[in-house]
PDB file of N, CA and C in Angstrom:
ATOM      1  N   MET A   1     -15.650  32.764  16.366  1.00  0.00           N
ATOM      2  CA  MET A   1     -16.874  33.139  16.597  1.00  0.00           C
ATOM      3  C   MET A   1     -17.764  32.651  17.058  1.00  0.00           C
ATOM      4  N   GLN A   2     -18.863  32.285  18.698  1.00  0.00           N
ATOM      5  CA  GLN A   2     -18.942  31.737  19.328  1.00  0.00           C
ATOM      6  C   GLN A   2     -20.684  31.895  19.276  1.00  0.00           C
ATOM      7  N   ASP A   3     -21.631  32.550  17.770  1.00  0.00           N
ATOM      8  CA  ASP A   3     -22.455  32.105  17.591  1.00  0.00           C
ATOM      9  C   ASP A   3     -22.737  30.971  16.851  1.00  0.00           C
ATOM     10  N   GLU A   4     -24.345  30.865  17.274  1.00  0.00           N
ATOM     11  CA  GLU A   4     -24.994  30.053  16.684  1.00  0.00           C
ATOM     12  C   GLU A   4     -25.983  30.099  15.292  1.00  0.00           C
ATOM     13  N   PRO A   5     -25.835  29.234  14.303  1.00  0.00           N
ATOM     14  CA  PRO A   5     -25.329  27.931  14.413  1.00  0.00           C
ATOM     15  C   PRO A   5     -23.839  27.755  14.339  1.00  0.00           C
ATOM     16  N   THR A   6     -23.313  26.832  15.018  1.00  0.00           N
ATOM     17  CA  THR A   6     -21.938  26.846  14.431  1.00  0.00           C
ATOM     18  C   THR A   6     -21.119  26.035  13.088  1.00  0.00           C
ATOM     19  N   PRO A   7     -19.900  26.626  12.828  1.00  0.00           N
ATOM     20  CA  PRO A   7     -19.804  25.495  11.293  1.00  0.00           C
ATOM     21  C   PRO A   7     -20.191  23.859  11.257  1.00  0.00           C
ATOM     22  N   VAL A   8     -19.695  23.446  12.290  1.00  0.00           N
ATOM     23  CA  VAL A   8     -20.052  22.191  12.020  1.00  0.00           C
ATOM     24  C   VAL A   8     -21.371  22.062  11.857  1.00  0.00           C
ATOM     25  N   GLU A   9     -22.675  23.104  12.717  1.00  0.00           N
ATOM     26  CA  GLU A   9     -24.236  22.697  12.284  1.00  0.00           C
ATOM     27  C   GLU A   9     -24.452  23.118  11.357  1.00  0.00           C
ATOM     28  N   LEU A  10     -23.560  24.084  10.728  1.00  0.00           N
ATOM     29  CA  LEU A  10     -23.986  24.155   9.286  1.00  0.00           C
ATOM     30  C   LEU A  10     -23.869  23.565   8.285  1.00  0.00           C
ATOM     31  N   THR A  11     -22.313  22.493   8.307  1.00  0.00           N
ATOM     32  CA  THR A  11     -22.081  21.883   7.333  1.00  0.00           C
ATOM     33  C   THR A  11     -23.134  20.672   7.483  1.00  0.00           C
ATOM     34  N   LYS A  12     -23.461  19.995   8.535  1.00  0.00           N
ATOM     35  CA  LYS A  12     -24.062  18.802   8.642  1.00  0.00           C
ATOM     36  C   LYS A  12     -25.249  18.965   8.513  1.00  0.00           C
ATOM     37  N   SER A  13     -25.946  19.874   8.421  1.00  0.00           N
ATOM     38  CA  SER A  13     -27.341  20.911   8.522  1.00  0.00           C
ATOM     39  C   SER A  13     -27.475  20.545   6.500  1.00  0.00           C
ATOM     40  N   VAL A  14     -26.659  20.908   6.124  1.00  0.00           N
ATOM     41  CA  VAL A  14     -26.236  21.012   4.389  1.00  0.00           C
ATOM     42  C   VAL A  14     -26.574  19.653   4.169  1.00  0.00           C
ATOM     43  N   ALA A  15     -25.689  18.818   4.839  1.00  0.00           N
ATOM     44  CA  ALA A  15     -25.526  17.761   3.664  1.00  0.00           C
ATOM     45  C   ALA A  15     -26.594  16.795   4.042  1.00  0.00           C
ATOM     46  N   ASP A  16     -27.815  17.036   5.670  1.00  0.00           N
ATOM     47  CA  ASP A  16     -28.602  16.194   5.729  1.00  0.00           C
ATOM     48  C   ASP A  16     -29.331  16.598   4.773  1.00  0.00           C
ATOM     49  N   PHE A  17     -29.878  17.907   4.579  1.00  0.00           N
ATOM     50  CA  PHE A  17     -31.076  18.247   3.631  1.00  0.00           C
ATOM     51  C   PHE A  17     -30.637  17.765   1.683  1.00  0.00           C
ATOM     52  N   LEU A  18     -29.531  18.124   1.695  1.00  0.00           N
ATOM     53  CA  LEU A  18     -29.343  17.493   0.401  1.00  0.00           C
ATOM     54  C   LEU A  18     -29.509  16.209   0.338  1.00  0.00           C
ATOM     55  N   ARG A  19     -29.009  15.383   1.022  1.00  0.00           N
ATOM     56  CA  ARG A  19     -29.135  13.491   1.479  1.00  0.00           C
ATOM     57  C   ARG A  19     -30.677  13.603   1.319  1.00  0.00           C
ATOM     58  N   ASN A  20     -31.226  14.662   2.765  1.00  0.00           N
ATOM     59  CA  ASN A  20     -32.581  13.426   2.358  1.00  0.00           C
ATOM     60  C   ASN A  20     -33.823  13.933   1.603  1.00  0.00           C
ATOM     61  N   ASP A  21     -33.776  15.327   1.399  1.00  0.00           N
ATOM     62  CA  ASP A  21     -34.874  16.019   0.761  1.00  0.00           C
ATOM     63  C   ASP A  21     -34.212  15.822  -0.890  1.00  0.00           C
ATOM     64  N   ILE A  22     -33.326  16.157  -1.019  1.00  0.00           N
ATOM     65  CA  ILE A  22     -32.646  16.659  -2.501  1.00  0.00           C
ATOM     66  C   ILE A  22     -32.119  15.173  -3.224  1.00  0.00           C
ATOM     67  N   THR A  23     -31.351  14.954  -2.687  1.00  0.00           N
ATOM     68  CA  THR A  23     -30.879  13.120  -3.918  1.00  0.00           C
ATOM     69  C   THR A  23     -32.369  12.037  -3.774  1.00  0.00           C
ATOM     70  N   PRO A  24     -33.329  12.197  -3.255  1.00  0.00           N
ATOM     71  CA  PRO A  24     -34.171  11.039  -4.193  1.00  0.00           C
ATOM     72  C   PRO A  24     -35.680  12.144  -5.425  1.00  0.00           C
ATOM     73  N   LEU A  25     -34.269  13.272  -5.553  1.00  0.00           N
ATOM     74  CA  LEU A  25     -35.358  13.595  -6.251  1.00  0.00           C
ATOM     75  C   LEU A  25     -34.669  13.951  -7.989  1.00  0.00           C
ATOM     76  N   ILE A  26     -33.631  13.199  -7.887  1.00  0.00           N
ATOM     77  CA  ILE A  26     -32.302  13.380  -8.804  1.00  0.00           C
ATOM     78  C   ILE A  26     -32.165  12.086  -9.026  1.00  0.00           C
ATOM     79  N   SER A  27     -31.736  11.901 -10.335  1.00  0.00           N
ATOM     80  CA  SER A  27     -30.612  10.446 -10.844  1.00  0.00           C
ATOM     81  C   SER A  27     -29.826  10.846 -11.992  1.00  0.00           C
ATOM     82  N   GLY A  28     -29.043  10.043 -12.556  1.00  0.00           N
ATOM     83  CA  GLY A  28     -28.286   9.993 -13.128  1.00  0.00           C
ATOM     84  C   GLY A  28     -26.652  10.631 -13.224  1.00  0.00           C
ATOM     85  N   HIS A  29     -26.040  10.987 -13.644  1.00  0.00           N
ATOM     86  CA  HIS A  29     -24.533  12.154 -12.886  1.00  0.00           C
ATOM     87  C   HIS A  29     -24.847  13.116 -12.526  1.00  0.00           C
ATOM     88  N   GLN A  30     -26.086  13.697 -12.372  1.00  0.00           N
ATOM     89  CA  GLN A  30     -26.327  14.580 -11.289  1.00  0.00           C
ATOM     90  C   GLN A  30     -26.130  14.404  -9.969  1.00  0.00           C
ATOM     91  N   ALA A  31     -27.098  13.234  -9.948  1.00  0.00           N
ATOM     92  CA  ALA A  31     -27.237  11.978  -8.723  1.00  0.00           C
ATOM     93  C   ALA A  31     -25.296  11.660  -8.282  1.00  0.00           C
ATOM     94  N   PHE A  32     -25.197  11.393  -9.058  1.00  0.00           N
ATOM     95  CA  PHE A  32     -23.631  10.986  -9.034  1.00  0.00           C
ATOM     96  C   PHE A  32     -22.732  12.814  -8.376  1.00  0.00           C
ATOM     97  N   LYS A  33     -22.841  13.895  -8.664  1.00  0.00           N
ATOM     98  CA  LYS A  33     -22.084  14.822  -8.563  1.00  0.00           C
ATOM     99  C   LYS A  33     -22.946  15.229  -6.808  1.00  0.00           C
ATOM    100  N   LEU A  34     -24.229  14.918  -6.410  1.00  0.00           N
ATOM    101  CA  LEU A  34     -24.959  15.577  -5.948  1.00  0.00           C
ATOM    102  C   LEU A  34     -23.809  14.553  -4.322  1.00  0.00           C
ATOM    103  N   ARG A  35     -23.659  12.964  -4.989  1.00  0.00           N
ATOM    104  CA  ARG A  35     -23.179  12.307  -3.783  1.00  0.00           C
ATOM    105  C   ARG A  35     -21.672  13.053  -3.011  1.00  0.00           C
ATOM    106  N   VAL A  36     -21.001  13.217  -4.376  1.00  0.00           N
ATOM    107  CA  VAL A  36     -19.427  14.031  -4.484  1.00  0.00           C
ATOM    108  C   VAL A  36     -19.785  15.065  -2.889  1.00  0.00           C
ATOM    109  N   ALA A  37     -21.075  16.050  -3.323  1.00  0.00           N
ATOM    110  CA  ALA A  37     -20.684  17.384  -2.419  1.00  0.00           C
ATOM    111  C   ALA A  37     -21.724  16.700  -1.395  1.00  0.00           C
ATOM    112  N   ILE A  38     -22.492  16.040  -0.988  1.00  0.00           N
ATOM    113  CA  ILE A  38     -22.621  15.270  -0.312  1.00  0.00           C
ATOM    114  C   ILE A  38     -21.215  15.027   1.178  1.00  0.00           C
ATOM    115  N   ASN A  39     -20.480  13.727  -0.085  1.00  0.00           N
ATOM    116  CA  ASN A  39     -19.281  13.328   1.080  1.00  0.00           C
ATOM    117  C   ASN A  39     -18.235  14.454   0.958  1.00  0.00           C
ATOM    118  N   ILE A  40     -18.374  15.090   0.874  1.00  0.00           N
ATOM    119  CA  ILE A  40     -16.914  16.804   0.746  1.00  0.00           C
ATOM    120  C   ILE A  40     -18.327  17.637   1.991  1.00  0.00           C
ATOM    121  N   LEU A  41     -19.135  17.598   2.033  1.00  0.00           N
ATOM    122  CA  LEU A  41     -19.287  18.169   3.389  1.00  0.00           C
ATOM    123  C   LEU A  41     -19.480  17.778   4.642  1.00  0.00           C
ATOM    124  N   ASP A  42     -19.909  15.990   4.302  1.00  0.00           N
ATOM    125  CA  ASP A  42     -19.421  14.900   5.635  1.00  0.00           C
ATOM    126  C   ASP A  42     -18.002  15.495   5.969  1.00  0.00           C
ATOM    127  N   LEU A  43     -17.167  15.689   5.034  1.00  0.00           N
ATOM    128  CA  LEU A  43     -16.000  15.459   5.055  1.00  0.00           C
ATOM    129  C   LEU A  43     -15.537  16.594   6.092  1.00  0.00           C
ATOM    130  N   VAL A  44     -15.668  17.713   5.767  1.00  0.00           N
ATOM    131  CA  VAL A  44     -15.436  19.373   6.350  1.00  0.00           C
ATOM    132  C   VAL A  44     -15.802  18.803   7.919  1.00  0.00           C
ATOM    133  N   THR A  45     -17.166  18.499   8.097  1.00  0.00           N
ATOM    134  CA  THR A  45     -17.939  18.407   9.154  1.00  0.00           C
ATOM    135  C   THR A  45     -16.878  17.601  10.197  1.00  0.00           C
ATOM    136  N   ARG A  46     -16.307  16.354   9.314  1.00  0.00           N
ATOM    137  CA  ARG A  46     -15.509  15.698  10.205  1.00  0.00           C
ATOM    138  C   ARG A  46     -14.010  16.136  10.462  1.00  0.00           C
ATOM    139  N   GLN A  47     -13.624  16.928  10.024  1.00  0.00           N
ATOM    140  CA  GLN A  47     -12.437  18.024  10.155  1.00  0.00           C
ATOM    141  C   GLN A  47     -12.912  18.617  10.670  1.00  0.00           C
ATOM    142  N   LEU A  48     -14.049  19.355  11.045  1.00  0.00           N
ATOM    143  CA  LEU A  48     -14.175  20.543  11.213  1.00  0.00           C
ATOM    144  C   LEU A  48     -14.451  20.162  13.131  1.00  0.00           C
ATOM    145  N   THR A  49     -15.222  18.965  13.206  1.00  0.00           N
ATOM    146  CA  THR A  49     -15.044  18.251  14.855  1.00  0.00           C
ATOM    147  C   THR A  49     -13.714  18.125  15.706  1.00  0.00           C
ATOM    148  N   ARG A  50     -12.630  17.291  14.288  1.00  0.00           N
ATOM    149  CA  ARG A  50     -11.433  16.584  14.679  1.00  0.00           C
ATOM    150  C   ARG A  50     -10.068  17.402  15.395  1.00  0.00           C
ATOM    151  N   GLU A  51     -10.249  18.397  14.062  1.00  0.00           N
ATOM    152  CA  GLU A  51      -9.267  19.471  13.793  1.00  0.00           C
ATOM    153  C   GLU A  51      -8.132  19.671  15.169  1.00  0.00           C
ATOM    154  N   GLU A  52      -9.297  20.264  15.772  1.00  0.00           N
ATOM    155  CA  GLU A  52      -8.685  20.826  16.868  1.00  0.00           C
ATOM    156  C   GLU A  52      -7.321  19.938  17.792  1.00  0.00           C
ATOM    157  N   GLY A  53      -8.667  18.820  18.450  1.00  0.00           N
ATOM    158  CA  GLY A  53      -7.764  18.099  19.394  1.00  0.00           C
ATOM    159  C   GLY A  53      -6.913  17.343  18.685  1.00  0.00           C
ATOM    160  N   SER A  54      -6.995  16.496  17.136  1.00  0.00           N
ATOM    161  CA  SER A  54      -5.951  15.924  16.118  1.00  0.00           C
ATOM    162  C   SER A  54      -4.841  16.662  16.250  1.00  0.00           C
ATOM    163  N   ASP A  55      -4.941  18.208  15.506  1.00  0.00           N
ATOM    164  CA  ASP A  55      -3.760  18.740  15.590  1.00  0.00           C
ATOM    165  C   ASP A  55      -2.691  19.305  17.033  1.00  0.00           C
ATOM    166  N   ALA A  56      -3.143  19.380  18.144  1.00  0.00           N
ATOM    167  CA  ALA A  56      -3.154  19.636  19.252  1.00  0.00           C
ATOM    168  C   ALA A  56      -2.740  18.648  19.568  1.00  0.00           C
ATOM    169  N   SER A  57      -2.772  17.270  19.199  1.00  0.00           N
ATOM    170  CA  SER A  57      -2.027  15.854  20.184  1.00  0.00           C
ATOM    171  C   SER A  57      -1.050  15.802  18.833  1.00  0.00           C
ATOM    172  N   GLU A  58      -1.182  16.052  17.487  1.00  0.00           N
ATOM    173  CA  GLU A  58      -0.011  16.282  16.706  1.00  0.00           C
ATOM    174  C   GLU A  58       1.423  17.183  17.348  1.00  0.00           C
ATOM    175  N   VAL A  59       0.629  18.229  17.455  1.00  0.00           N
ATOM    176  CA  VAL A  59       2.051  18.799  17.217  1.00  0.00           C
ATOM    177  C   VAL A  59       2.926  18.888  19.038  1.00  0.00           C
ATOM    178  N   GLU A  60       2.037  18.359  19.940  1.00  0.00           N
ATOM    179  CA  GLU A  60       2.785  17.507  20.707  1.00  0.00           C
ATOM    180  C   GLU A  60       3.525  16.464  20.817  1.00  0.00           C
ATOM    181  N   ARG A  61       3.236  15.424  20.105  1.00  0.00           N
ATOM    182  CA  ARG A  61       3.973  14.529  19.778  1.00  0.00           C
ATOM    183  C   ARG A  61       5.539  14.955  19.039  1.00  0.00           C
ATOM    184  N   LEU A  62       5.054  16.036  17.923  1.00  0.00           N
ATOM    185  CA  LEU A  62       6.356  16.475  17.297  1.00  0.00           C
ATOM    186  C   LEU A  62       7.151  17.190  17.587  1.00  0.00           C
ATOM    187  N   ARG A  63       6.687  17.876  18.798  1.00  0.00           N
ATOM    188  CA  ARG A  63       7.454  18.978  20.060  1.00  0.00           C
ATOM    189  C   ARG A  63       8.499  18.049  20.432  1.00  0.00           C
ATOM    190  N   ALA A  64       7.481  16.530  21.216  1.00  0.00           N
ATOM    191  CA  ALA A  64       8.797  15.602  21.739  1.00  0.00           C
ATOM    192  C   ALA A  64      10.217  15.157  21.257  1.00  0.00           C
ATOM    193  N   LEU A  65       9.255  14.543  19.967  1.00  0.00           N
ATOM    194  CA  LEU A  65      10.090  13.625  18.609  1.00  0.00           C
ATOM    195  C   LEU A  65      11.462  15.231  18.393  1.00  0.00           C
ATOM    196  N   LEU A  66      10.992  16.079  17.939  1.00  0.00           N
ATOM    197  CA  LEU A  66      12.646  16.651  17.491  1.00  0.00           C
ATOM    198  C   LEU A  66      12.793  17.741  18.405  1.00  0.00           C
ATOM    199  N   GLY A  67      12.281  17.768  19.252  1.00  0.00           N
ATOM    200  CA  GLY A  67      12.977  18.534  20.979  1.00  0.00           C
ATOM    201  C   GLY A  67      12.768  20.339  20.580  1.00  0.00           C
ATOM    202  N   MET A  68      11.751  20.522  20.001  1.00  0.00           N
ATOM    203  CA  MET A  68      11.401  21.971  19.282  1.00  0.00           C
ATOM    204  C   MET A  68      10.740  22.798  19.131  1.00  0.00           C
ATOM    205  N   GLU A  69       9.945  23.512  19.141  1.00  0.00           N
ATOM    206  CA  GLU A  69       8.630  24.490  19.166  1.00  0.00           C
ATOM    207  C   GLU A  69       8.264  25.019  17.409  1.00  0.00           C
ATOM    208  N   GLY A  70       7.112  24.833  17.203  1.00  0.00           N
ATOM    209  CA  GLY A  70       6.986  25.256  16.067  1.00  0.00           C
ATOM    210  C   GLY A  70       5.142  24.919  15.587  1.00  0.00           C
ATOM    211  N   SER A  71       4.632  25.669  14.610  1.00  0.00           N
ATOM    212  CA  SER A  71       3.337  25.153  14.603  1.00  0.00           C
ATOM    213  C   SER A  71       3.385  23.731  14.039  1.00  0.00           C
ATOM    214  N   VAL A  72       2.490  22.970  13.883  1.00  0.00           N
ATOM    215  CA  VAL A  72       2.028  21.474  13.118  1.00  0.00           C
ATOM    216  C   VAL A  72       2.716  22.220  11.468  1.00  0.00           C
ATOM    217  N   THR A  73       2.879  22.517  10.910  1.00  0.00           N
ATOM    218  CA  THR A  73       2.963  22.587   9.040  1.00  0.00           C
ATOM    219  C   THR A  73       4.550  23.269   9.576  1.00  0.00           C
ATOM    220  N   ASP A  74       5.299  23.461  10.637  1.00  0.00           N
ATOM    221  CA  ASP A  74       6.976  23.786  10.891  1.00  0.00           C
ATOM    222  C   ASP A  74       7.189  22.470  11.467  1.00  0.00           C
ATOM    223  N   LEU A  75       6.872  21.880  11.772  1.00  0.00           N
ATOM    224  CA  LEU A  75       7.270  20.844  12.755  1.00  0.00           C
ATOM    225  C   LEU A  75       7.141  20.151  11.730  1.00  0.00           C
ATOM    226  N   ASN A  76       6.160  19.882  10.692  1.00  0.00           N
ATOM    227  CA  ASN A  76       6.013  18.441   9.892  1.00  0.00           C
ATOM    228  C   ASN A  76       6.541  18.643   8.827  1.00  0.00           C
ATOM    229  N   ARG A  77       7.160  20.132   8.475  1.00  0.00           N
ATOM    230  CA  ARG A  77       8.558  20.089   7.110  1.00  0.00           C
ATOM    231  C   ARG A  77       9.620  19.627   7.857  1.00  0.00           C
ATOM    232  N   ALA A  78       9.854  20.180   9.415  1.00  0.00           N
ATOM    233  CA  ALA A  78      11.203  19.605   9.678  1.00  0.00           C
ATOM    234  C   ALA A  78      11.734  18.290  10.122  1.00  0.00           C
ATOM    235  N   LEU A  79      10.639  17.479  10.542  1.00  0.00           N
ATOM    236  CA  LEU A  79      10.648  15.985  10.253  1.00  0.00           C
ATOM    237  C   LEU A  79      10.493  15.393   8.833  1.00  0.00           C
ATOM    238  N   ALA A  80      10.377  16.123   8.289  1.00  0.00           N
ATOM    239  CA  ALA A  80      10.474  15.454   7.084  1.00  0.00           C
ATOM    240  C   ALA A  80      11.961  15.900   6.434  1.00  0.00           C
ATOM    241  N   GLU A  81      12.298  16.970   6.706  1.00  0.00           N
ATOM    242  CA  GLU A  81      13.706  17.282   6.164  1.00  0.00           C
ATOM    243  C   GLU A  81      15.037  16.288   7.376  1.00  0.00           C
ATOM    244  N   ARG A  82      14.472  15.841   8.776  1.00  0.00           N
ATOM    245  CA  ARG A  82      15.382  15.560   9.005  1.00  0.00           C
ATOM    246  C   ARG A  82      15.454  13.673   8.923  1.00  0.00           C
ATOM    247  N   ILE A  83      14.067  13.694   8.315  1.00  0.00           N
ATOM    248  CA  ILE A  83      14.237  12.129   7.524  1.00  0.00           C
ATOM    249  C   ILE A  83      14.802  11.867   6.486  1.00  0.00           C
ATOM    250  N   ALA A  84      14.609  13.057   5.484  1.00  0.00           N
ATOM    251  CA  ALA A  84      15.654  12.884   4.146  1.00  0.00           C
ATOM    252  C   ALA A  84      16.926  12.694   4.210  1.00  0.00           C
ATOM    253  N   LYS A  85      17.409  13.178   5.311  1.00  0.00           N
ATOM    254  CA  LYS A  85      18.969  13.577   5.530  1.00  0.00           C
ATOM    255  C   LYS A  85      19.466  12.574   6.437  1.00  0.00           C
ATOM    256  N   GLY A  86      18.384  11.446   6.721  1.00  0.00           N
ATOM    257  CA  GLY A  86      18.691   9.994   7.636  1.00  0.00           C
ATOM    258  C   GLY A  86      19.125  10.465   9.154  1.00  0.00           C
ATOM    259  N   GLU A  87      18.302  11.615   9.790  1.00  0.00           N
ATOM    260  CA  GLU A  87      19.276  12.312  10.955  1.00  0.00           C
ATOM    261  C   GLU A  87      17.770  11.281  11.977  1.00  0.00           C
ATOM    262  N   VAL A  88      16.537  11.028  11.848  1.00  0.00           N
ATOM    263  CA  VAL A  88      15.545  10.606  11.932  1.00  0.00           C
ATOM    264  C   VAL A  88      14.852   9.052  10.912  1.00  0.00           C
ATOM    265  N   ASP A  89      14.891   7.776  11.548  1.00  0.00           N
ATOM    266  CA  ASP A  89      14.301   6.456  10.520  1.00  0.00           C
ATOM    267  C   ASP A  89      13.071   6.157  11.779  1.00  0.00           C
ATOM    268  N   LEU A  90      12.616   5.040  11.604  1.00  0.00           N
ATOM    269  CA  LEU A  90      11.887   4.112  11.737  1.00  0.00           C
ATOM    270  C   LEU A  90      12.391   3.758  13.424  1.00  0.00           C
ATOM    271  N   ALA A  91      13.962   3.686  13.681  1.00  0.00           N
ATOM    272  CA  ALA A  91      14.131   3.568  14.495  1.00  0.00           C
ATOM    273  C   ALA A  91      14.433   4.569  15.917  1.00  0.00           C
ATOM    274  N   THR A  92      13.871   5.494  15.123  1.00  0.00           N
ATOM    275  CA  THR A  92      14.259   6.317  16.464  1.00  0.00           C
ATOM    276  C   THR A  92      12.874   6.594  17.224  1.00  0.00           C
ATOM    277  N   PRO A  93      12.987   6.706  18.653  1.00  0.00           N
ATOM    278  CA  PRO A  93      11.925   6.414  19.407  1.00  0.00           C
ATOM    279  C   PRO A  93      11.225   6.992  19.301  1.00  0.00           C
ATOM    280  N   GLY A  94       9.672   6.902  19.257  1.00  0.00           N
ATOM    281  CA  GLY A  94       8.851   8.158  19.637  1.00  0.00           C
ATOM    282  C   GLY A  94       7.996   7.621  17.752  1.00  0.00           C
ATOM    283  N   LEU A  95       8.681   7.800  16.976  1.00  0.00           N
ATOM    284  CA  LEU A  95       8.706   7.963  15.857  1.00  0.00           C
ATOM    285  C   LEU A  95       7.539   7.110  14.678  1.00  0.00           C
ATOM    286  N   ALA A  96       7.980   5.509  14.892  1.00  0.00           N
ATOM    287  CA  ALA A  96       6.491   4.861  14.242  1.00  0.00           C
ATOM    288  C   ALA A  96       5.298   5.196  14.991  1.00  0.00           C
ATOM    289  N   GLU A  97       5.282   5.514  16.553  1.00  0.00           N
ATOM    290  CA  GLU A  97       4.260   5.489  17.050  1.00  0.00           C
ATOM    291  C   GLU A  97       3.147   6.832  17.019  1.00  0.00           C
ATOM    292  N   HIS A  98       4.481   7.889  16.507  1.00  0.00           N
ATOM    293  CA  HIS A  98       3.475   9.022  15.705  1.00  0.00           C
ATOM    294  C   HIS A  98       3.115   8.805  14.416  1.00  0.00           C
ATOM    295  N   LEU A  99       3.997   8.188  13.716  1.00  0.00           N
ATOM    296  CA  LEU A  99       3.523   8.617  12.208  1.00  0.00           C
ATOM    297  C   LEU A  99       2.065   7.487  12.720  1.00  0.00           C
ATOM    298  N   TRP A 100       1.927   6.528  13.100  1.00  0.00           N
ATOM    299  CA  TRP A 100       0.398   5.586  13.084  1.00  0.00           C
ATOM    300  C   TRP A 100      -0.502   6.168  13.908  1.00  0.00           C
ATOM    301  N   ALA A 101      -0.100   7.256  14.747  1.00  0.00           N
ATOM    302  CA  ALA A 101      -1.087   8.136  15.182  1.00  0.00           C
ATOM    303  C   ALA A 101      -1.844   8.892  14.584  1.00  0.00           C
ATOM    304  N   THR A 102      -0.333   9.706  13.862  1.00  0.00           N
ATOM    305  CA  THR A 102      -1.182  10.941  12.352  1.00  0.00           C
ATOM    306  C   THR A 102      -2.155  10.395  11.416  1.00  0.00           C
ATOM    307  N   THR A 103      -1.211   9.129  11.318  1.00  0.00           N
ATOM    308  CA  THR A 103      -2.504   7.962   9.892  1.00  0.00           C
ATOM    309  C   THR A 103      -3.484   7.764  10.852  1.00  0.00           C
ATOM    310  N   MET A 104      -3.753   7.412  11.868  1.00  0.00           N
ATOM    311  CA  MET A 104      -5.509   7.211  12.338  1.00  0.00           C
ATOM    312  C   MET A 104      -6.364   8.396  12.612  1.00  0.00           C
ATOM    313  N   ASP A 105      -5.624   9.403  13.035  1.00  0.00           N
ATOM    314  CA  ASP A 105      -6.225  10.762  12.981  1.00  0.00           C
ATOM    315  C   ASP A 105      -6.583  11.102  11.354  1.00  0.00           C
ATOM    316  N   LYS A 106      -6.123  11.107  10.478  1.00  0.00           N
ATOM    317  CA  LYS A 106      -5.988  11.295   8.994  1.00  0.00           C
ATOM    318  C   LYS A 106      -7.023  10.210   9.047  1.00  0.00           C
ATOM    319  N   LEU A 107      -6.765   9.024   9.095  1.00  0.00           N
ATOM    320  CA  LEU A 107      -8.283   8.072   8.233  1.00  0.00           C
ATOM    321  C   LEU A 107      -9.402   7.958   9.018  1.00  0.00           C
ATOM    322  N   ALA A 108      -9.454   8.681  10.336  1.00  0.00           N
ATOM    323  CA  ALA A 108     -11.262   9.162  10.609  1.00  0.00           C
ATOM    324  C   ALA A 108     -11.952  10.588  10.308  1.00  0.00           C
ATOM    325  N   VAL A 109     -10.673  11.184   9.539  1.00  0.00           N
ATOM    326  CA  VAL A 109     -11.223  12.261   8.701  1.00  0.00           C
ATOM    327  C   VAL A 109     -12.013  12.032   7.914  1.00  0.00           C
ATOM    328  N   ASP A 110     -10.735  11.473   6.488  1.00  0.00           N
ATOM    329  CA  ASP A 110     -10.829  11.373   5.373  1.00  0.00           C
ATOM    330  C   ASP A 110     -11.584   9.531   5.045  1.00  0.00           C
ATOM    331  N   GLN A 111     -11.182   8.972   5.924  1.00  0.00           N
ATOM    332  CA  GLN A 111     -11.897   7.385   5.755  1.00  0.00           C
ATOM    333  C   GLN A 111     -12.266   6.836   6.596  1.00  0.00           C
ATOM    334  N   PRO A 112     -13.518   7.127   7.349  1.00  0.00           N
ATOM    335  CA  PRO A 112     -13.888   6.472   8.648  1.00  0.00           C
ATOM    336  C   PRO A 112     -14.349   5.350   8.410  1.00  0.00           C
ATOM    337  N   ASN A 113     -14.810   4.979   6.990  1.00  0.00           N
ATOM    338  CA  ASN A 113     -15.740   3.590   7.327  1.00  0.00           C
ATOM    339  C   ASN A 113     -14.518   2.806   6.321  1.00  0.00           C
ATOM    340  N   TYR A 114     -13.445   2.933   6.069  1.00  0.00           N
ATOM    341  CA  TYR A 114     -12.554   2.272   6.002  1.00  0.00           C
ATOM    342  C   TYR A 114     -12.102   1.021   6.630  1.00  0.00           C
ATOM    343  N   ALA A 115     -12.285  -0.495   5.743  1.00  0.00           N
ATOM    344  CA  ALA A 115     -11.973  -1.234   6.730  1.00  0.00           C
ATOM    345  C   ALA A 115     -10.665  -1.726   7.477  1.00  0.00           C
ATOM    346  N   SER A 116     -10.046  -1.377   7.459  1.00  0.00           N
ATOM    347  CA  SER A 116      -8.832  -1.867   8.058  1.00  0.00           C
ATOM    348  C   SER A 116      -8.955  -0.341   9.402  1.00  0.00           C
ATOM    349  N   TYR A 117      -9.309   0.192   9.141  1.00  0.00           N
ATOM    350  CA  TYR A 117      -8.871   1.558  10.539  1.00  0.00           C
ATOM    351  C   TYR A 117     -10.003   0.899  11.354  1.00  0.00           C
ATOM    352  N   LYS A 118     -11.842   1.014  10.929  1.00  0.00           N
ATOM    353  CA  LYS A 118     -12.809   0.033  11.613  1.00  0.00           C
ATOM    354  C   LYS A 118     -11.417  -0.965  12.428  1.00  0.00           C
ATOM    355  N   ARG A 119     -10.730  -1.946  12.067  1.00  0.00           N
ATOM    356  CA  ARG A 119     -10.186  -3.239  12.704  1.00  0.00           C
ATOM    357  C   ARG A 119      -9.286  -2.626  13.506  1.00  0.00           C
ATOM    358  N   GLU A 120      -8.542  -1.909  13.214  1.00  0.00           N
ATOM    359  CA  GLU A 120      -7.953  -1.091  14.021  1.00  0.00           C
ATOM    360  C   GLU A 120      -8.014  -0.335  15.354  1.00  0.00           C
ATOM    361  N   LEU A 121      -9.614  -0.112  15.523  1.00  0.00           N
ATOM    362  CA  LEU A 121      -9.872   1.029  16.639  1.00  0.00           C
ATOM    363  C   LEU A 121     -10.519  -0.071  17.570  1.00  0.00           C
ATOM    364  N   GLU A 122     -11.170  -1.313  16.929  1.00  0.00           N
ATOM    365  CA  GLU A 122     -11.532  -2.196  17.372  1.00  0.00           C
ATOM    366  C   GLU A 122     -10.148  -3.233  18.390  1.00  0.00           C
ATOM    367  N   GLY A 123      -9.021  -2.756  17.873  1.00  0.00           N
ATOM    368  CA  GLY A 123      -8.428  -3.732  18.529  1.00  0.00           C
ATOM    369  C   GLY A 123      -7.888  -4.690  17.856  1.00  0.00           C
ATOM    370  N   GLY A 124      -8.049  -5.163  16.597  1.00  0.00           N
ATOM    371  CA  GLY A 124      -8.352  -5.657  15.938  1.00  0.00           C
ATOM    372  C   GLY A 124      -7.182  -6.011  14.466  1.00  0.00           C
ATOM    373  N   GLY A 125      -6.139  -4.785  14.635  1.00  0.00           N
ATOM    374  CA  GLY A 125      -5.197  -4.404  13.795  1.00  0.00           C
ATOM    375  C   GLY A 125      -3.825  -5.193  13.850  1.00  0.00           C
TER     376      GLY A 125
END
């Protein structure tokens, strides 16, 4: 759907409201649970923001690597099967680069403040 507000705007608004208006009002274990909920909303916001582009890039890399078509799930399953059978390994052209790019895409969503991730983005990895 193309209606406003978008899912990204909704999840970000709820997270901001909880962070700015509710967090100062509670303490203890309830505050911890609220921080967990805010972190989840932030993660969902990042995932919604990046998902389409990173999935498309991953599918493109997997298609080139495997020489076949399919969904991101199907292609990842095929890659895992080929690795398990020993048909593909880190010496396979493009595999290491694909795994690194996929890891960086996942970290951008799951752990964007991870120190090693930030160093790598800055070119210091």
